[in-house]
Amino acid sequence: MMKKILILFVLLIFSGSWVVAQQPKVQEQKNGPKISFKKTIHDYGTIYVGSDGKCVFEFTNTGNEPLILSKPRSSCGCTVPTWPKEPILPGETNKIVVTYNTRHSGSFNKTVTVYSNAINNKNVVLRIKGKVVPKPKDALPVKAMDGKAPVNR
């Protein structure tokens, strides 16, 4: 008799766990702001010294509370971020503009770390890269040897 009760009890426990396992899991919706960028890397390619070094990183608050950005930090003084100081409401899109100083030639790979109150990603690293090259020299007119008008080469 005891064996039958024990077997019945074990079967009851297993059937109960099977029923619990079959119930759909409810997705928890955490309250708070969420930040979502369209892109986190910008490749300038090859640009000339003195070119416009601005690029735009668009983002959206996909959460359900206002998103607040803290001062972004750049990896060096040649990279300057501009960001919205006011809270970004749920569903709103805004942008961070990053300006790279193109006064010097050479390859670059810089980062800007964006700090926020987002629950999904408190620190987002934006990256810019490319190569700055000197502008090509304009061809100067060369005087023709026969005394005629100058010729461009």
C-alpha atoms as a PDB file:
ATOM      1  CA  MET A   1       0.000   0.000   0.000  1.00  0.00           C
ATOM      2  CA  MET A   2       2.849   2.391   0.887  1.00  0.00           C
ATOM      3  CA  LYS A   3       4.507   1.674  -2.464  1.00  0.00           C
ATOM      4  CA  LYS A   4       1.349   2.595  -4.341  1.00  0.00           C
ATOM      5  CA  ILE A   5       1.022   5.888  -2.451  1.00  0.00           C
ATOM      6  CA  LEU A   6       4.691   6.705  -3.050  1.00  0.00           C
ATOM      7  CA  ILE A   7       4.407   5.946  -6.789  1.00  0.00           C
ATOM      8  CA  LEU A   8       1.204   7.972  -7.008  1.00  0.00           C
ATOM      9  CA  PHE A   9       2.881  10.864  -5.201  1.00  0.00           C
ATOM     10  CA  VAL A  10       5.904  10.804  -7.575  1.00  0.00           C
ATOM     11  CA  LEU A  11       3.631  10.688 -10.630  1.00  0.00           C
ATOM     12  CA  LEU A  12       1.631  13.604  -9.255  1.00  0.00           C
ATOM     13  CA  ILE A  13       4.792  15.709  -8.812  1.00  0.00           C
ATOM     14  CA  PHE A  14       6.032  14.942 -12.348  1.00  0.00           C
ATOM     15  CA  SER A  15       2.644  15.686 -13.907  1.00  0.00           C
ATOM     16  CA  GLY A  16       2.478  18.978 -12.015  1.00  0.00           C
ATOM     17  CA  SER A  17       5.919  20.048 -13.262  1.00  0.00           C
ATOM     18  CA  TRP A  18       4.915  19.109 -16.812  1.00  0.00           C
ATOM     19  CA  VAL A  19       1.849  21.371 -16.596  1.00  0.00           C
ATOM     20  CA  VAL A  20       3.949  24.281 -15.279  1.00  0.00           C
ATOM     21  CA  ALA A  21       6.492  23.801 -18.075  1.00  0.00           C
ATOM     22  CA  GLN A  22       3.740  24.041 -20.711  1.00  0.00           C
ATOM     23  CA  GLN A  23       2.520  27.465 -19.639  1.00  0.00           C
ATOM     24  CA  PRO A  24       3.736  30.305 -21.879  1.00  0.00           C
ATOM     25  CA  LYS A  25       6.343  32.518 -20.277  1.00  0.00           C
ATOM     26  CA  VAL A  26       5.244  36.085 -19.804  1.00  0.00           C
ATOM     27  CA  GLN A  27       7.800  38.563 -21.147  1.00  0.00           C
ATOM     28  CA  GLU A  28       8.663  41.010 -18.433  1.00  0.00           C
ATOM     29  CA  GLN A  29       8.459  44.601 -19.622  1.00  0.00           C
ATOM     30  CA  LYS A  30      11.021  46.566 -17.685  1.00  0.00           C
ATOM     31  CA  ASN A  31      10.178  50.197 -17.220  1.00  0.00           C
ATOM     32  CA  GLY A  32      12.791  52.710 -18.229  1.00  0.00           C
ATOM     33  CA  PRO A  33      14.448  54.387 -21.186  1.00  0.00           C
ATOM     34  CA  LYS A  34      16.188  52.357 -23.882  1.00  0.00           C
ATOM     35  CA  ILE A  35      18.649  53.718 -26.426  1.00  0.00           C
ATOM     36  CA  SER A  36      18.902  52.343 -29.952  1.00  0.00           C
ATOM     37  CA  PHE A  37      21.384  53.718 -32.514  1.00  0.00           C
ATOM     38  CA  LYS A  38      20.959  53.384 -36.293  1.00  0.00           C
ATOM     39  CA  LYS A  39      24.737  52.913 -36.554  1.00  0.00           C
ATOM     40  CA  THR A  40      27.649  53.012 -34.120  1.00  0.00           C
ATOM     41  CA  ILE A  41      30.513  53.165 -36.642  1.00  0.00           C
ATOM     42  CA  HIS A  42      31.172  55.883 -39.226  1.00  0.00           C
ATOM     43  CA  ASP A  43      33.865  55.372 -41.860  1.00  0.00           C
ATOM     44  CA  TYR A  44      34.907  58.635 -43.528  1.00  0.00           C
ATOM     45  CA  GLY A  45      37.004  56.750 -46.040  1.00  0.00           C
ATOM     46  CA  THR A  46      39.695  59.040 -47.459  1.00  0.00           C
ATOM     47  CA  ILE A  47      39.155  62.766 -46.931  1.00  0.00           C
ATOM     48  CA  TYR A  48      41.316  65.839 -47.510  1.00  0.00           C
ATOM     49  CA  VAL A  49      43.074  67.959 -44.919  1.00  0.00           C
ATOM     50  CA  GLY A  50      40.705  70.781 -43.919  1.00  0.00           C
ATOM     51  CA  SER A  51      37.558  68.846 -44.935  1.00  0.00           C
ATOM     52  CA  ASP A  52      34.349  68.909 -42.946  1.00  0.00           C
ATOM     53  CA  GLY A  53      34.881  66.242 -40.283  1.00  0.00           C
ATOM     54  CA  LYS A  54      31.265  66.048 -39.067  1.00  0.00           C
ATOM     55  CA  CYS A  55      29.216  62.893 -38.903  1.00  0.00           C
ATOM     56  CA  VAL A  56      25.830  62.181 -37.352  1.00  0.00           C
ATOM     57  CA  PHE A  57      24.779  59.263 -35.167  1.00  0.00           C
ATOM     58  CA  GLU A  58      20.971  59.020 -34.904  1.00  0.00           C
ATOM     59  CA  PHE A  59      19.333  57.265 -31.980  1.00  0.00           C
ATOM     60  CA  THR A  60      15.831  56.597 -30.685  1.00  0.00           C
ATOM     61  CA  ASN A  61      14.457  56.196 -27.169  1.00  0.00           C
ATOM     62  CA  THR A  62      12.702  52.831 -27.556  1.00  0.00           C
ATOM     63  CA  GLY A  63      11.852  52.643 -23.854  1.00  0.00           C
ATOM     64  CA  ASN A  64       8.867  53.972 -21.945  1.00  0.00           C
ATOM     65  CA  GLU A  65      10.538  56.692 -19.839  1.00  0.00           C
ATOM     66  CA  PRO A  66      12.595  59.804 -20.756  1.00  0.00           C
ATOM     67  CA  LEU A  67      16.198  59.168 -21.840  1.00  0.00           C
ATOM     68  CA  ILE A  68      18.893  61.461 -20.459  1.00  0.00           C
ATOM     69  CA  LEU A  69      22.402  61.589 -21.914  1.00  0.00           C
ATOM     70  CA  SER A  70      25.391  62.539 -19.798  1.00  0.00           C
ATOM     71  CA  LYS A  71      28.412  64.265 -21.290  1.00  0.00           C
ATOM     72  CA  PRO A  72      29.908  61.919 -23.908  1.00  0.00           C
ATOM     73  CA  ARG A  73      33.651  61.341 -23.607  1.00  0.00           C
ATOM     74  CA  SER A  74      35.901  61.292 -26.673  1.00  0.00           C
ATOM     75  CA  SER A  75      39.136  59.337 -26.895  1.00  0.00           C
ATOM     76  CA  CYS A  76      41.112  62.480 -27.749  1.00  0.00           C
ATOM     77  CA  GLY A  77      40.790  66.252 -28.109  1.00  0.00           C
ATOM     78  CA  CYS A  78      40.605  66.026 -31.907  1.00  0.00           C
ATOM     79  CA  THR A  79      37.126  64.487 -31.647  1.00  0.00           C
ATOM     80  CA  VAL A  80      34.320  66.676 -30.290  1.00  0.00           C
ATOM     81  CA  PRO A  81      30.775  65.365 -29.677  1.00  0.00           C
ATOM     82  CA  THR A  82      27.636  67.526 -29.548  1.00  0.00           C
ATOM     83  CA  TRP A  83      24.581  65.936 -27.909  1.00  0.00           C
ATOM     84  CA  PRO A  84      21.049  66.883 -26.823  1.00  0.00           C
ATOM     85  CA  LYS A  85      20.974  68.234 -23.270  1.00  0.00           C
ATOM     86  CA  GLU A  86      17.197  67.890 -22.824  1.00  0.00           C
ATOM     87  CA  PRO A  87      15.482  64.547 -22.063  1.00  0.00           C
ATOM     88  CA  ILE A  88      14.451  62.489 -25.092  1.00  0.00           C
ATOM     89  CA  LEU A  89      10.899  61.278 -24.624  1.00  0.00           C
ATOM     90  CA  PRO A  90       9.813  57.698 -25.435  1.00  0.00           C
ATOM     91  CA  GLY A  91       9.620  57.173 -29.203  1.00  0.00           C
ATOM     92  CA  GLU A  92      11.602  60.324 -30.028  1.00  0.00           C
ATOM     93  CA  THR A  93      14.641  60.310 -32.299  1.00  0.00           C
ATOM     94  CA  ASN A  94      17.596  62.644 -31.869  1.00  0.00           C
ATOM     95  CA  LYS A  95      21.260  62.790 -32.863  1.00  0.00           C
ATOM     96  CA  ILE A  96      24.795  63.090 -31.622  1.00  0.00           C
ATOM     97  CA  VAL A  97      27.092  65.026 -33.958  1.00  0.00           C
ATOM     98  CA  VAL A  98      30.761  64.076 -33.823  1.00  0.00           C
ATOM     99  CA  THR A  99      33.320  66.435 -35.357  1.00  0.00           C
ATOM    100  CA  TYR A 100      36.802  65.189 -36.168  1.00  0.00           C
ATOM    101  CA  ASN A 101      39.564  67.787 -36.633  1.00  0.00           C
ATOM    102  CA  THR A 102      40.992  67.226 -40.128  1.00  0.00           C
ATOM    103  CA  ARG A 103      43.973  69.608 -39.839  1.00  0.00           C
ATOM    104  CA  HIS A 104      46.558  66.815 -39.871  1.00  0.00           C
ATOM    105  CA  SER A 105      46.990  64.002 -42.368  1.00  0.00           C
ATOM    106  CA  GLY A 106      47.088  60.343 -41.400  1.00  0.00           C
ATOM    107  CA  SER A 107      44.820  57.451 -40.490  1.00  0.00           C
ATOM    108  CA  PHE A 108      42.542  57.733 -37.475  1.00  0.00           C
ATOM    109  CA  ASN A 109      40.334  55.472 -35.395  1.00  0.00           C
ATOM    110  CA  LYS A 110      38.635  57.341 -32.544  1.00  0.00           C
ATOM    111  CA  THR A 111      35.808  56.641 -30.120  1.00  0.00           C
ATOM    112  CA  VAL A 112      33.128  58.585 -28.289  1.00  0.00           C
ATOM    113  CA  THR A 113      31.530  56.913 -25.276  1.00  0.00           C
ATOM    114  CA  VAL A 114      27.922  57.984 -24.664  1.00  0.00           C
ATOM    115  CA  TYR A 115      26.671  57.675 -21.074  1.00  0.00           C
ATOM    116  CA  SER A 116      22.937  57.596 -20.345  1.00  0.00           C
ATOM    117  CA  ASN A 117      20.251  56.354 -18.004  1.00  0.00           C
ATOM    118  CA  ALA A 118      19.177  53.665 -20.509  1.00  0.00           C
ATOM    119  CA  ILE A 119      18.379  50.307 -18.934  1.00  0.00           C
ATOM    120  CA  ASN A 120      19.512  48.313 -21.977  1.00  0.00           C
ATOM    121  CA  ASN A 121      22.888  49.958 -22.605  1.00  0.00           C
ATOM    122  CA  LYS A 122      24.223  52.580 -20.203  1.00  0.00           C
ATOM    123  CA  ASN A 123      27.486  53.081 -22.147  1.00  0.00           C
ATOM    124  CA  VAL A 124      27.437  53.072 -25.955  1.00  0.00           C
ATOM    125  CA  VAL A 125      30.742  53.396 -27.815  1.00  0.00           C
ATOM    126  CA  LEU A 126      30.542  55.248 -31.134  1.00  0.00           C
ATOM    127  CA  ARG A 127      33.517  54.858 -33.468  1.00  0.00           C
ATOM    128  CA  ILE A 128      34.835  57.009 -36.313  1.00  0.00           C
ATOM    129  CA  LYS A 129      37.639  56.020 -38.643  1.00  0.00           C
ATOM    130  CA  GLY A 130      39.227  57.081 -41.873  1.00  0.00           C
ATOM    131  CA  LYS A 131      42.281  58.601 -43.462  1.00  0.00           C
ATOM    132  CA  VAL A 132      43.111  62.275 -43.945  1.00  0.00           C
ATOM    133  CA  VAL A 133      45.336  63.049 -46.941  1.00  0.00           C
ATOM    134  CA  PRO A 134      46.833  66.316 -48.209  1.00  0.00           C
ATOM    135  CA  LYS A 135      44.937  68.119 -50.949  1.00  0.00           C
ATOM    136  CA  PRO A 136      46.422  67.556 -54.392  1.00  0.00           C
ATOM    137  CA  LYS A 137      48.564  70.402 -55.697  1.00  0.00           C
ATOM    138  CA  ASP A 138      46.954  72.428 -58.470  1.00  0.00           C
ATOM    139  CA  ALA A 139      48.874  72.326 -61.709  1.00  0.00           C
ATOM    140  CA  LEU A 140      50.654  75.607 -62.343  1.00  0.00           C
ATOM    141  CA  PRO A 141      50.892  76.961 -65.897  1.00  0.00           C
ATOM    142  CA  VAL A 142      54.271  76.457 -67.490  1.00  0.00           C
ATOM    143  CA  LYS A 143      55.640  79.074 -69.912  1.00  0.00           C
ATOM    144  CA  ALA A 144      56.070  77.737 -73.408  1.00  0.00           C
ATOM    145  CA  MET A 145      59.617  77.792 -74.754  1.00  0.00           C
ATOM    146  CA  ASP A 146      58.598  79.516 -77.997  1.00  0.00           C
ATOM    147  CA  GLY A 147      57.241  82.585 -76.227  1.00  0.00           C
ATOM    148  CA  LYS A 148      53.590  81.745 -76.871  1.00  0.00           C
ATOM    149  CA  ALA A 149      50.842  81.530 -74.264  1.00  0.00           C
ATOM    150  CA  PRO A 150      51.428  79.395 -71.110  1.00  0.00           C
ATOM    151  CA  VAL A 151      50.584  75.718 -71.337  1.00  0.00           C
ATOM    152  CA  ASN A 152      49.030  73.641 -68.521  1.00  0.00           C
ATOM    153  CA  ARG A 153      50.540  70.205 -68.030  1.00  0.00           C
END
